[in-house]
């Protein structure tokens, strides 16, 4: 069970692509079963598939983020916010 708003946001952002893909699949396949347990499972499976397919395109952003964090000046306001959110993420 998510305790913080950040954890809830991560869960929502993970499942949105799967929800959209499942909706498209169910609307285009008249024989698709939309019962509650199967629907939730299909949302999770489609979310994982979408994230695996998109990961190669977004993997470069991780190295870009790391280089920005390494070269930022901690005394500036923008990097201070980034630094504090990074510390919160590491907890």
Protein backbone atom coordinates (compact mmCIF):
# COMPACT_ATOMS: atom_id res chain seq x y z
CA UNK A 1 0.00 0.00 0.00
CA UNK A 2 1.55 3.33 -1.01
CA UNK A 3 2.42 5.49 1.95
CA UNK A 4 3.47 8.72 0.24
CA UNK A 5 2.15 10.74 -2.65
CA UNK A 6 5.34 10.02 -4.59
CA UNK A 7 4.75 6.28 -4.33
CA UNK A 8 1.16 6.72 -5.44
CA UNK A 9 2.27 8.84 -8.39
CA UNK A 10 4.79 6.17 -9.42
CA UNK A 11 2.10 3.50 -9.36
CA UNK A 12 -0.30 5.63 -11.38
CA UNK A 13 2.33 6.56 -13.96
CA UNK A 14 3.33 2.90 -14.30
CA UNK A 15 -0.21 1.67 -14.93
CA UNK A 16 -1.51 4.45 -17.24
CA UNK A 17 0.09 3.01 -20.43
CA UNK A 18 -1.28 -0.43 -19.59
CA UNK A 19 -4.74 0.99 -18.99
CA UNK A 20 -4.71 2.76 -22.36
CA UNK A 21 -3.41 -0.33 -24.17
CA UNK A 22 -6.01 -2.54 -22.49
CA UNK A 23 -8.81 -0.15 -23.41
CA UNK A 24 -7.68 -0.14 -27.04
CA UNK A 25 -7.46 -3.94 -27.07
CA UNK A 26 -10.87 -4.48 -25.47
CA UNK A 27 -12.60 -1.98 -27.77
CA UNK A 28 -11.09 -3.55 -30.90
CA UNK A 29 -11.60 -7.19 -29.95
CA UNK A 30 -15.28 -7.97 -29.36
CA UNK A 31 -14.42 -11.36 -27.84
CA UNK A 32 -12.10 -9.86 -25.18
CA UNK A 33 -13.04 -10.71 -21.61
CA UNK A 34 -13.36 -7.60 -19.45
CA UNK A 35 -14.01 -9.26 -16.10
CA UNK A 36 -12.43 -7.48 -13.14
CA UNK A 37 -9.51 -9.86 -12.25
CA UNK A 38 -8.57 -10.49 -15.87
CA UNK A 39 -8.88 -6.79 -16.63
CA UNK A 40 -6.51 -5.80 -13.83
CA UNK A 41 -4.05 -8.48 -14.86
CA UNK A 42 -4.16 -7.34 -18.47
CA UNK A 43 -3.54 -3.73 -17.38
CA UNK A 44 -0.42 -4.85 -15.48
CA UNK A 45 0.83 -7.03 -18.36
CA UNK A 46 0.27 -4.32 -20.97
CA UNK A 47 1.96 -1.75 -18.72
CA UNK A 48 5.03 -3.96 -18.44
CA UNK A 49 5.07 -4.55 -22.21
CA UNK A 50 4.81 -0.83 -22.98
CA UNK A 51 7.56 0.05 -20.51
CA UNK A 52 9.88 -2.65 -21.89
CA UNK A 53 9.30 -1.41 -25.44
CA UNK A 54 9.88 2.24 -24.51
CA UNK A 55 12.89 1.67 -22.22
CA UNK A 56 15.56 1.74 -24.98
CA UNK A 57 14.30 5.16 -26.07
CA UNK A 58 14.34 6.54 -22.53
CA UNK A 59 17.51 4.87 -21.21
CA UNK A 60 19.61 7.73 -22.59
CA UNK A 61 17.73 10.15 -20.37
CA UNK A 62 19.10 8.41 -17.27
CA UNK A 63 22.70 9.11 -18.24
CA UNK A 64 21.76 12.67 -19.18
CA UNK A 65 20.16 13.17 -15.76
CA UNK A 66 23.24 11.82 -14.01
CA UNK A 67 25.57 14.14 -15.92
CA UNK A 68 23.39 17.14 -15.06
CA UNK A 69 23.38 16.20 -11.38
CA UNK A 70 27.15 15.73 -11.34
CA UNK A 71 27.86 19.09 -12.97
CA UNK A 72 25.29 21.16 -11.08
CA UNK A 73 26.27 23.77 -8.53
CA UNK A 74 24.61 22.93 -5.18
CA UNK A 75 24.41 26.63 -4.26
CA UNK A 76 22.07 27.54 -7.13
CA UNK A 77 18.32 27.41 -6.47
CA UNK A 78 17.42 24.91 -9.21
CA UNK A 79 20.10 22.42 -8.34
CA UNK A 80 19.27 22.82 -4.65
CA UNK A 81 15.74 21.58 -5.35
CA UNK A 82 17.10 18.79 -7.53
CA UNK A 83 19.64 17.84 -4.88
CA UNK A 84 17.03 17.75 -2.11
CA UNK A 85 14.63 15.66 -4.19
CA UNK A 86 17.49 13.29 -5.03
CA UNK A 87 18.27 12.88 -1.34
CA UNK A 88 14.62 12.20 -0.62
CA UNK A 89 14.61 9.58 -3.40
CA UNK A 90 17.60 7.80 -1.84
CA UNK A 91 15.93 7.44 1.58
